[in-house]
N, C-alpha and C. Protein backbone atom coordinates (compact mmCIF):
# COMPACT_ATOMS: atom_id res chain seq x y z
N MET A 1 -42.02 9.85 18.94
CA MET A 1 -41.49 10.67 17.88
C MET A 1 -40.51 9.83 17.06
N SER A 2 -40.45 10.07 15.79
CA SER A 2 -39.61 9.32 14.87
C SER A 2 -38.13 9.55 15.14
N ASP A 3 -37.30 8.50 14.92
CA ASP A 3 -35.85 8.65 15.04
C ASP A 3 -35.31 9.57 13.96
N ASN A 4 -36.11 9.82 12.92
CA ASN A 4 -35.70 10.68 11.83
C ASN A 4 -35.84 12.16 12.17
N LEU A 5 -36.43 12.48 13.32
CA LEU A 5 -36.64 13.88 13.69
C LEU A 5 -35.66 14.30 14.79
N VAL A 6 -35.21 15.54 14.69
CA VAL A 6 -34.30 16.11 15.69
C VAL A 6 -35.00 17.31 16.33
N TYR A 7 -34.99 17.33 17.64
CA TYR A 7 -35.62 18.37 18.46
C TYR A 7 -34.75 19.62 18.44
N LEU A 8 -35.27 20.73 17.88
CA LEU A 8 -34.49 21.95 17.74
C LEU A 8 -34.87 23.06 18.71
N GLY A 9 -36.08 23.00 19.26
CA GLY A 9 -36.50 24.08 20.14
C GLY A 9 -37.90 23.85 20.67
N ILE A 10 -38.33 24.78 21.52
CA ILE A 10 -39.66 24.69 22.11
C ILE A 10 -40.26 26.09 22.18
N ILE A 11 -41.54 26.19 21.87
CA ILE A 11 -42.25 27.45 21.98
C ILE A 11 -42.57 27.66 23.46
N THR A 12 -42.04 28.73 24.04
CA THR A 12 -42.21 28.94 25.47
C THR A 12 -43.43 29.78 25.81
N SER A 13 -43.78 30.73 24.93
CA SER A 13 -44.93 31.59 25.23
C SER A 13 -45.26 32.47 24.03
N PRO A 14 -46.47 33.05 24.03
CA PRO A 14 -46.79 34.06 23.02
C PRO A 14 -45.98 35.32 23.29
N HIS A 15 -45.86 36.17 22.27
CA HIS A 15 -45.19 37.46 22.43
C HIS A 15 -46.00 38.51 21.69
N GLY A 16 -46.60 39.40 22.42
CA GLY A 16 -47.42 40.44 21.80
C GLY A 16 -48.81 39.94 21.43
N ILE A 17 -49.51 40.73 20.62
CA ILE A 17 -50.91 40.40 20.30
C ILE A 17 -51.12 39.92 18.87
N LYS A 18 -50.05 39.91 18.06
CA LYS A 18 -50.21 39.57 16.64
C LYS A 18 -49.80 38.15 16.30
N GLY A 19 -49.59 37.30 17.31
CA GLY A 19 -49.30 35.90 17.05
C GLY A 19 -47.85 35.50 17.10
N ALA A 20 -46.96 36.42 17.43
CA ALA A 20 -45.55 36.06 17.56
C ALA A 20 -45.37 35.17 18.79
N VAL A 21 -44.27 34.42 18.80
CA VAL A 21 -43.97 33.51 19.91
C VAL A 21 -42.51 33.63 20.32
N LYS A 22 -42.23 33.24 21.56
CA LYS A 22 -40.85 33.09 22.03
C LYS A 22 -40.49 31.63 21.87
N ILE A 23 -39.30 31.39 21.33
CA ILE A 23 -38.81 30.03 21.12
C ILE A 23 -37.47 29.87 21.81
N LYS A 24 -37.36 28.85 22.66
CA LYS A 24 -36.08 28.47 23.24
C LYS A 24 -35.43 27.52 22.25
N THR A 25 -34.25 27.88 21.75
CA THR A 25 -33.60 27.07 20.72
C THR A 25 -32.49 26.21 21.32
N PHE A 26 -32.23 25.09 20.66
CA PHE A 26 -31.16 24.19 21.06
C PHE A 26 -30.11 24.10 19.96
N THR A 27 -30.04 25.14 19.14
CA THR A 27 -29.06 25.20 18.06
C THR A 27 -27.82 25.94 18.57
N GLU A 28 -26.70 25.76 17.87
CA GLU A 28 -25.45 26.39 18.31
C GLU A 28 -25.61 27.90 18.41
N LYS A 29 -26.22 28.50 17.41
CA LYS A 29 -26.57 29.92 17.45
C LYS A 29 -28.09 29.98 17.35
N PRO A 30 -28.75 30.83 18.12
CA PRO A 30 -30.22 30.82 18.14
C PRO A 30 -30.85 31.05 16.77
N GLU A 31 -30.23 31.89 15.95
CA GLU A 31 -30.81 32.17 14.63
C GLU A 31 -30.69 31.00 13.66
N ASN A 32 -29.87 29.99 13.99
CA ASN A 32 -29.73 28.83 13.11
C ASN A 32 -31.03 28.03 12.97
N ILE A 33 -31.93 28.17 13.91
CA ILE A 33 -33.19 27.43 13.84
C ILE A 33 -33.99 27.82 12.59
N PHE A 34 -33.69 28.97 12.01
CA PHE A 34 -34.41 29.44 10.83
C PHE A 34 -33.76 29.02 9.52
N LEU A 35 -32.65 28.31 9.57
CA LEU A 35 -31.91 27.92 8.37
C LEU A 35 -32.50 26.72 7.64
N TYR A 36 -33.38 26.00 8.27
CA TYR A 36 -33.77 24.69 7.76
C TYR A 36 -35.13 24.67 7.08
N GLY A 37 -35.70 25.82 6.82
CA GLY A 37 -37.01 25.85 6.16
C GLY A 37 -38.11 25.56 7.16
N GLU A 38 -39.08 24.79 6.73
CA GLU A 38 -40.22 24.50 7.60
C GLU A 38 -39.82 23.57 8.74
N LEU A 39 -40.41 23.84 9.91
CA LEU A 39 -40.20 22.99 11.07
C LEU A 39 -41.49 22.25 11.38
N ILE A 40 -41.37 21.15 12.09
CA ILE A 40 -42.51 20.30 12.40
C ILE A 40 -42.97 20.59 13.83
N ILE A 41 -44.26 20.89 13.97
CA ILE A 41 -44.90 21.06 15.28
C ILE A 41 -46.04 20.05 15.29
N GLY A 42 -45.96 19.05 16.17
CA GLY A 42 -46.96 17.98 16.16
C GLY A 42 -46.80 17.20 14.87
N SER A 43 -47.83 17.19 14.04
CA SER A 43 -47.75 16.48 12.76
C SER A 43 -47.81 17.44 11.57
N GLU A 44 -47.72 18.73 11.85
CA GLU A 44 -47.83 19.75 10.80
C GLU A 44 -46.49 20.46 10.57
N ASN A 45 -46.27 20.89 9.33
CA ASN A 45 -45.10 21.69 8.99
C ASN A 45 -45.48 23.17 9.00
N TYR A 46 -44.58 24.00 9.53
CA TYR A 46 -44.82 25.44 9.61
C TYR A 46 -43.58 26.20 9.18
N LYS A 47 -43.80 27.29 8.47
CA LYS A 47 -42.72 28.22 8.15
C LYS A 47 -42.57 29.16 9.34
N ILE A 48 -41.36 29.25 9.86
CA ILE A 48 -41.09 30.08 11.03
C ILE A 48 -40.10 31.16 10.62
N SER A 49 -40.38 32.40 10.98
CA SER A 49 -39.54 33.53 10.58
C SER A 49 -39.04 34.29 11.80
N LEU A 50 -37.79 34.70 11.74
CA LEU A 50 -37.16 35.43 12.83
C LEU A 50 -37.69 36.85 12.94
N VAL A 51 -38.04 37.25 14.15
CA VAL A 51 -38.35 38.64 14.45
C VAL A 51 -37.14 39.27 15.12
N SER A 52 -36.63 38.62 16.19
CA SER A 52 -35.42 39.12 16.86
C SER A 52 -34.81 38.03 17.73
N VAL A 53 -33.51 38.19 17.99
CA VAL A 53 -32.79 37.31 18.91
C VAL A 53 -32.79 38.00 20.27
N VAL A 54 -33.30 37.32 21.29
CA VAL A 54 -33.40 37.90 22.63
C VAL A 54 -32.15 37.59 23.45
N SER A 55 -31.66 36.35 23.36
CA SER A 55 -30.47 35.94 24.12
C SER A 55 -29.80 34.80 23.38
N ASN A 56 -28.82 34.15 24.04
CA ASN A 56 -28.07 33.10 23.36
C ASN A 56 -28.88 31.84 23.09
N ASN A 57 -30.12 31.74 23.56
CA ASN A 57 -30.95 30.59 23.22
C ASN A 57 -32.43 30.94 23.13
N LEU A 58 -32.75 32.22 22.98
CA LEU A 58 -34.15 32.63 22.93
C LEU A 58 -34.36 33.60 21.77
N VAL A 59 -35.39 33.30 20.96
CA VAL A 59 -35.73 34.17 19.83
C VAL A 59 -37.22 34.49 19.87
N ILE A 60 -37.57 35.56 19.20
CA ILE A 60 -38.97 35.88 18.96
C ILE A 60 -39.20 35.61 17.48
N ALA A 61 -40.29 34.91 17.17
CA ALA A 61 -40.54 34.50 15.79
C ALA A 61 -42.02 34.58 15.46
N THR A 62 -42.29 34.57 14.16
CA THR A 62 -43.66 34.43 13.68
C THR A 62 -43.79 33.06 13.03
N ILE A 63 -45.00 32.53 13.06
CA ILE A 63 -45.28 31.21 12.50
C ILE A 63 -46.39 31.37 11.48
N SER A 64 -46.19 30.78 10.30
CA SER A 64 -47.20 30.90 9.24
C SER A 64 -48.55 30.42 9.75
N GLY A 65 -49.58 31.22 9.49
CA GLY A 65 -50.94 30.86 9.88
C GLY A 65 -51.32 31.22 11.30
N VAL A 66 -50.37 31.73 12.08
CA VAL A 66 -50.66 32.12 13.46
C VAL A 66 -50.69 33.65 13.50
N ASN A 67 -51.89 34.21 13.70
CA ASN A 67 -52.07 35.66 13.55
C ASN A 67 -52.62 36.36 14.79
N SER A 68 -52.79 35.63 15.89
CA SER A 68 -53.31 36.27 17.11
C SER A 68 -52.63 35.66 18.33
N ARG A 69 -52.71 36.38 19.42
CA ARG A 69 -52.15 35.87 20.68
C ARG A 69 -52.84 34.57 21.08
N ASN A 70 -54.16 34.48 20.87
CA ASN A 70 -54.88 33.25 21.23
C ASN A 70 -54.37 32.05 20.44
N GLU A 71 -54.12 32.24 19.14
CA GLU A 71 -53.57 31.15 18.32
C GLU A 71 -52.16 30.79 18.80
N ALA A 72 -51.36 31.80 19.14
CA ALA A 72 -50.00 31.55 19.64
C ALA A 72 -50.04 30.82 20.98
N GLU A 73 -51.00 31.16 21.82
CA GLU A 73 -51.13 30.51 23.13
C GLU A 73 -51.34 29.00 22.98
N LEU A 74 -52.03 28.58 21.93
CA LEU A 74 -52.27 27.15 21.70
C LEU A 74 -50.98 26.39 21.40
N LEU A 75 -49.94 27.11 21.03
CA LEU A 75 -48.67 26.47 20.69
C LEU A 75 -47.68 26.47 21.86
N ARG A 76 -48.07 27.03 22.99
CA ARG A 76 -47.20 27.06 24.17
C ARG A 76 -46.74 25.63 24.51
N ASN A 77 -45.45 25.49 24.78
CA ASN A 77 -44.80 24.22 25.14
C ASN A 77 -44.78 23.18 24.02
N LYS A 78 -45.08 23.60 22.80
CA LYS A 78 -44.98 22.68 21.65
C LYS A 78 -43.51 22.62 21.21
N LYS A 79 -43.06 21.42 20.93
CA LYS A 79 -41.68 21.20 20.51
C LYS A 79 -41.56 21.38 18.99
N LEU A 80 -40.40 21.89 18.57
CA LEU A 80 -40.11 22.10 17.16
C LEU A 80 -39.08 21.06 16.71
N TYR A 81 -39.39 20.39 15.61
CA TYR A 81 -38.51 19.35 15.09
C TYR A 81 -38.16 19.63 13.64
N ILE A 82 -37.08 19.02 13.20
CA ILE A 82 -36.68 19.05 11.80
C ILE A 82 -36.30 17.62 11.41
N GLU A 83 -36.52 17.29 10.14
CA GLU A 83 -36.08 15.97 9.67
C GLU A 83 -34.56 15.94 9.67
N ARG A 84 -33.99 14.86 10.19
CA ARG A 84 -32.54 14.74 10.35
C ARG A 84 -31.79 14.98 9.04
N ASP A 85 -32.33 14.51 7.92
CA ASP A 85 -31.61 14.65 6.65
C ASP A 85 -31.56 16.09 6.14
N LYS A 86 -32.27 17.02 6.78
CA LYS A 86 -32.20 18.44 6.41
C LYS A 86 -31.11 19.17 7.19
N LEU A 87 -30.53 18.50 8.17
CA LEU A 87 -29.46 19.10 8.97
C LEU A 87 -28.11 18.87 8.29
N PRO A 88 -27.11 19.69 8.60
CA PRO A 88 -25.78 19.48 8.02
C PRO A 88 -25.25 18.09 8.36
N GLN A 89 -24.56 17.49 7.40
CA GLN A 89 -23.95 16.18 7.60
C GLN A 89 -22.84 16.29 8.65
N LEU A 90 -22.80 15.38 9.59
CA LEU A 90 -21.74 15.36 10.59
C LEU A 90 -20.52 14.68 9.97
N ASN A 91 -19.35 15.27 10.13
CA ASN A 91 -18.15 14.80 9.45
C ASN A 91 -17.32 13.82 10.26
N ASP A 92 -17.52 13.78 11.54
CA ASP A 92 -16.66 13.00 12.42
C ASP A 92 -17.54 12.07 13.25
N GLU A 93 -17.06 10.86 13.50
CA GLU A 93 -17.87 9.93 14.31
C GLU A 93 -18.01 10.40 15.75
N ASP A 94 -17.17 11.36 16.17
CA ASP A 94 -17.29 11.93 17.51
C ASP A 94 -18.29 13.08 17.55
N GLU A 95 -18.83 13.49 16.40
CA GLU A 95 -19.83 14.55 16.36
C GLU A 95 -21.22 13.95 16.50
N PHE A 96 -22.11 14.72 17.13
CA PHE A 96 -23.48 14.26 17.30
C PHE A 96 -24.35 15.47 17.58
N TYR A 97 -25.64 15.30 17.42
CA TYR A 97 -26.59 16.32 17.82
C TYR A 97 -27.00 16.02 19.26
N GLN A 98 -27.21 17.06 20.07
CA GLN A 98 -27.58 16.85 21.47
C GLN A 98 -28.78 15.93 21.60
N ASP A 99 -29.72 16.05 20.69
CA ASP A 99 -30.92 15.22 20.73
C ASP A 99 -30.57 13.73 20.67
N ASP A 100 -29.40 13.39 20.09
CA ASP A 100 -28.98 11.99 20.02
C ASP A 100 -28.72 11.40 21.40
N LEU A 101 -28.44 12.24 22.39
CA LEU A 101 -28.13 11.75 23.74
C LEU A 101 -29.37 11.36 24.54
N VAL A 102 -30.51 11.93 24.19
CA VAL A 102 -31.74 11.67 24.96
C VAL A 102 -32.12 10.19 24.84
N ASN A 103 -32.40 9.58 25.97
CA ASN A 103 -32.73 8.16 26.13
C ASN A 103 -31.53 7.23 25.96
N MET A 104 -30.34 7.79 25.86
CA MET A 104 -29.14 6.98 25.75
C MET A 104 -28.81 6.37 27.12
N GLU A 105 -28.28 5.15 27.12
CA GLU A 105 -27.84 4.50 28.36
C GLU A 105 -26.65 5.25 28.94
N VAL A 106 -26.61 5.33 30.26
CA VAL A 106 -25.44 5.84 30.97
C VAL A 106 -24.81 4.64 31.66
N ARG A 107 -23.57 4.35 31.31
CA ARG A 107 -22.87 3.19 31.85
C ARG A 107 -21.66 3.65 32.65
N LEU A 108 -21.33 2.88 33.68
CA LEU A 108 -20.12 3.14 34.45
C LEU A 108 -18.93 2.63 33.65
N GLU A 109 -17.73 2.98 34.07
CA GLU A 109 -16.55 2.50 33.35
C GLU A 109 -16.44 0.98 33.38
N SER A 110 -17.09 0.34 34.36
CA SER A 110 -17.12 -1.12 34.44
C SER A 110 -18.13 -1.72 33.46
N ASN A 111 -18.83 -0.87 32.71
CA ASN A 111 -19.87 -1.22 31.74
C ASN A 111 -21.22 -1.52 32.39
N GLU A 112 -21.31 -1.36 33.72
CA GLU A 112 -22.58 -1.56 34.42
C GLU A 112 -23.55 -0.44 34.05
N LEU A 113 -24.80 -0.82 33.79
CA LEU A 113 -25.83 0.17 33.46
C LEU A 113 -26.16 0.98 34.71
N TYR A 114 -26.02 2.31 34.61
CA TYR A 114 -26.26 3.21 35.74
C TYR A 114 -27.60 3.93 35.60
N GLY A 115 -27.96 4.30 34.37
CA GLY A 115 -29.20 5.04 34.16
C GLY A 115 -29.39 5.41 32.71
N TYR A 116 -30.24 6.42 32.49
CA TYR A 116 -30.57 6.89 31.14
C TYR A 116 -30.57 8.41 31.11
N VAL A 117 -30.10 8.98 30.02
CA VAL A 117 -30.18 10.43 29.82
C VAL A 117 -31.64 10.77 29.53
N LYS A 118 -32.23 11.62 30.33
CA LYS A 118 -33.64 12.01 30.15
C LYS A 118 -33.78 13.33 29.43
N SER A 119 -32.84 14.26 29.66
CA SER A 119 -32.95 15.57 29.04
C SER A 119 -31.61 16.28 29.11
N ILE A 120 -31.49 17.35 28.34
CA ILE A 120 -30.30 18.19 28.33
C ILE A 120 -30.74 19.62 28.58
N TYR A 121 -30.01 20.30 29.46
CA TYR A 121 -30.33 21.69 29.79
C TYR A 121 -29.09 22.54 29.63
N ASN A 122 -29.30 23.82 29.45
CA ASN A 122 -28.20 24.77 29.49
C ASN A 122 -28.74 26.03 30.16
N PHE A 123 -28.27 26.28 31.36
CA PHE A 123 -28.72 27.43 32.13
C PHE A 123 -27.74 28.59 32.01
N GLY A 124 -26.81 28.49 31.06
CA GLY A 124 -25.89 29.59 30.80
C GLY A 124 -24.43 29.28 31.02
N SER A 125 -24.11 28.30 31.85
CA SER A 125 -22.70 28.03 32.13
C SER A 125 -22.23 26.71 31.53
N GLY A 126 -23.02 26.08 30.71
CA GLY A 126 -22.64 24.83 30.08
C GLY A 126 -23.79 23.85 30.09
N ASP A 127 -23.63 22.79 29.31
CA ASP A 127 -24.70 21.80 29.21
C ASP A 127 -24.75 20.92 30.45
N ILE A 128 -25.97 20.57 30.84
CA ILE A 128 -26.25 19.71 32.00
C ILE A 128 -27.08 18.54 31.51
N LEU A 129 -26.70 17.32 31.88
CA LEU A 129 -27.49 16.14 31.55
C LEU A 129 -28.34 15.75 32.75
N GLU A 130 -29.62 15.54 32.50
CA GLU A 130 -30.51 14.99 33.52
C GLU A 130 -30.51 13.48 33.32
N ILE A 131 -30.18 12.76 34.38
CA ILE A 131 -30.05 11.30 34.29
C ILE A 131 -31.00 10.65 35.27
N LEU A 132 -31.74 9.66 34.79
CA LEU A 132 -32.57 8.82 35.65
C LEU A 132 -31.70 7.67 36.12
N VAL A 133 -31.43 7.62 37.43
CA VAL A 133 -30.58 6.57 38.01
C VAL A 133 -31.46 5.35 38.25
N ILE A 134 -31.08 4.22 37.69
CA ILE A 134 -31.90 3.00 37.78
C ILE A 134 -32.05 2.52 39.21
N SER A 135 -30.97 2.49 39.98
CA SER A 135 -31.02 1.90 41.33
C SER A 135 -31.90 2.68 42.30
N THR A 136 -32.00 4.00 42.12
CA THR A 136 -32.76 4.81 43.07
C THR A 136 -34.06 5.36 42.47
N LYS A 137 -34.20 5.27 41.16
CA LYS A 137 -35.35 5.84 40.43
C LYS A 137 -35.42 7.36 40.60
N LYS A 138 -34.29 7.98 40.96
CA LYS A 138 -34.23 9.43 41.12
C LYS A 138 -33.51 10.05 39.93
N HIS A 139 -33.81 11.31 39.71
CA HIS A 139 -33.15 12.07 38.65
C HIS A 139 -32.02 12.89 39.25
N ILE A 140 -30.87 12.88 38.58
CA ILE A 140 -29.75 13.71 38.99
C ILE A 140 -29.34 14.56 37.78
N MET A 141 -28.63 15.64 38.06
CA MET A 141 -28.12 16.49 36.99
C MET A 141 -26.62 16.60 37.13
N LEU A 142 -25.92 16.36 36.01
CA LEU A 142 -24.46 16.41 36.00
C LEU A 142 -23.99 17.28 34.84
N SER A 143 -22.89 17.99 35.06
CA SER A 143 -22.29 18.79 33.99
C SER A 143 -21.83 17.87 32.88
N PHE A 144 -22.12 18.26 31.65
CA PHE A 144 -21.73 17.47 30.50
C PHE A 144 -20.32 17.89 30.08
N THR A 145 -19.33 17.28 30.74
CA THR A 145 -17.93 17.58 30.45
C THR A 145 -17.20 16.29 30.07
N LYS A 146 -16.06 16.44 29.41
CA LYS A 146 -15.24 15.30 29.00
C LYS A 146 -14.72 14.54 30.22
N GLU A 147 -14.48 15.23 31.33
CA GLU A 147 -13.98 14.57 32.54
C GLU A 147 -15.05 13.66 33.15
N ILE A 148 -16.28 14.11 33.17
CA ILE A 148 -17.36 13.33 33.78
C ILE A 148 -17.90 12.28 32.81
N PHE A 149 -17.96 12.62 31.53
CA PHE A 149 -18.45 11.70 30.50
C PHE A 149 -17.36 11.53 29.44
N PRO A 150 -16.34 10.68 29.72
CA PRO A 150 -15.18 10.60 28.83
C PRO A 150 -15.43 9.91 27.49
N HIS A 151 -16.46 9.08 27.39
CA HIS A 151 -16.71 8.35 26.14
C HIS A 151 -18.19 8.39 25.78
N ILE A 152 -18.44 8.70 24.52
CA ILE A 152 -19.81 8.69 24.00
C ILE A 152 -19.82 7.77 22.80
N ASN A 153 -20.68 6.76 22.85
CA ASN A 153 -20.80 5.80 21.75
C ASN A 153 -22.18 5.99 21.11
N ILE A 154 -22.24 6.80 20.08
CA ILE A 154 -23.52 7.11 19.44
C ILE A 154 -24.13 5.86 18.82
N LYS A 155 -23.32 5.09 18.09
CA LYS A 155 -23.85 3.87 17.44
C LYS A 155 -24.29 2.83 18.47
N GLY A 156 -23.55 2.70 19.57
CA GLY A 156 -23.89 1.75 20.62
C GLY A 156 -24.93 2.27 21.59
N ARG A 157 -25.31 3.55 21.44
CA ARG A 157 -26.35 4.20 22.25
C ARG A 157 -26.03 4.19 23.75
N HIS A 158 -24.75 4.47 24.09
CA HIS A 158 -24.43 4.62 25.51
C HIS A 158 -23.34 5.67 25.70
N ILE A 159 -23.33 6.20 26.91
CA ILE A 159 -22.37 7.21 27.32
C ILE A 159 -21.75 6.70 28.63
N VAL A 160 -20.45 6.93 28.80
CA VAL A 160 -19.74 6.42 29.98
C VAL A 160 -19.63 7.53 31.02
N LEU A 161 -19.98 7.19 32.26
CA LEU A 161 -19.90 8.10 33.40
C LEU A 161 -18.66 7.78 34.22
N ASN A 162 -17.82 8.78 34.45
CA ASN A 162 -16.62 8.62 35.27
C ASN A 162 -16.72 9.61 36.41
N MET A 163 -17.30 9.16 37.50
CA MET A 163 -17.43 10.02 38.67
C MET A 163 -17.51 9.14 39.91
N PRO A 164 -16.43 8.43 40.23
CA PRO A 164 -16.48 7.43 41.30
C PRO A 164 -16.90 7.98 42.66
N GLU A 165 -16.55 9.23 42.97
CA GLU A 165 -16.92 9.77 44.28
C GLU A 165 -18.41 10.04 44.40
N PHE A 166 -19.10 10.07 43.28
CA PHE A 166 -20.53 10.38 43.27
C PHE A 166 -21.40 9.12 43.28
N ILE A 167 -20.86 8.04 42.74
CA ILE A 167 -21.63 6.81 42.57
C ILE A 167 -21.68 6.04 43.88
N ASP A 168 -22.87 5.52 44.20
CA ASP A 168 -23.07 4.78 45.47
C ASP A 168 -22.07 3.68 45.68
């Protein structure tokens, strides 16, 4: 996927028989996913319209050209992207989009490479980073807090991990 695209959500399932879908959003407010006009699914642009907000990260929506449950089923697990330049300009060098963290290096305070951010989750109590640890080839999940990750260098593409009791 292009560095110019930002991952905003994923179609989780069809909803009803007329082609509506459930979308898990990664925007600050779930309805914000509809502010940017057309979204990119695969290599195509689609107009997506809000039907209702289900929870703090789940919406029901309609997609232009999708008129049946069977058509909606074909979009299950498809990711929704927007071109970065259509998003609001970030004003501070400490600001970033969550998607910017994916594939970022995770370094220890000694600057030793520890792993890579593979994904970001939010199960309701805060953001969780999934990290692939290089030495063990295992995935771990850590709370994304300032105490555990005190420094984020977006331009340098690395994040610092401060958790000495956890590290081998």
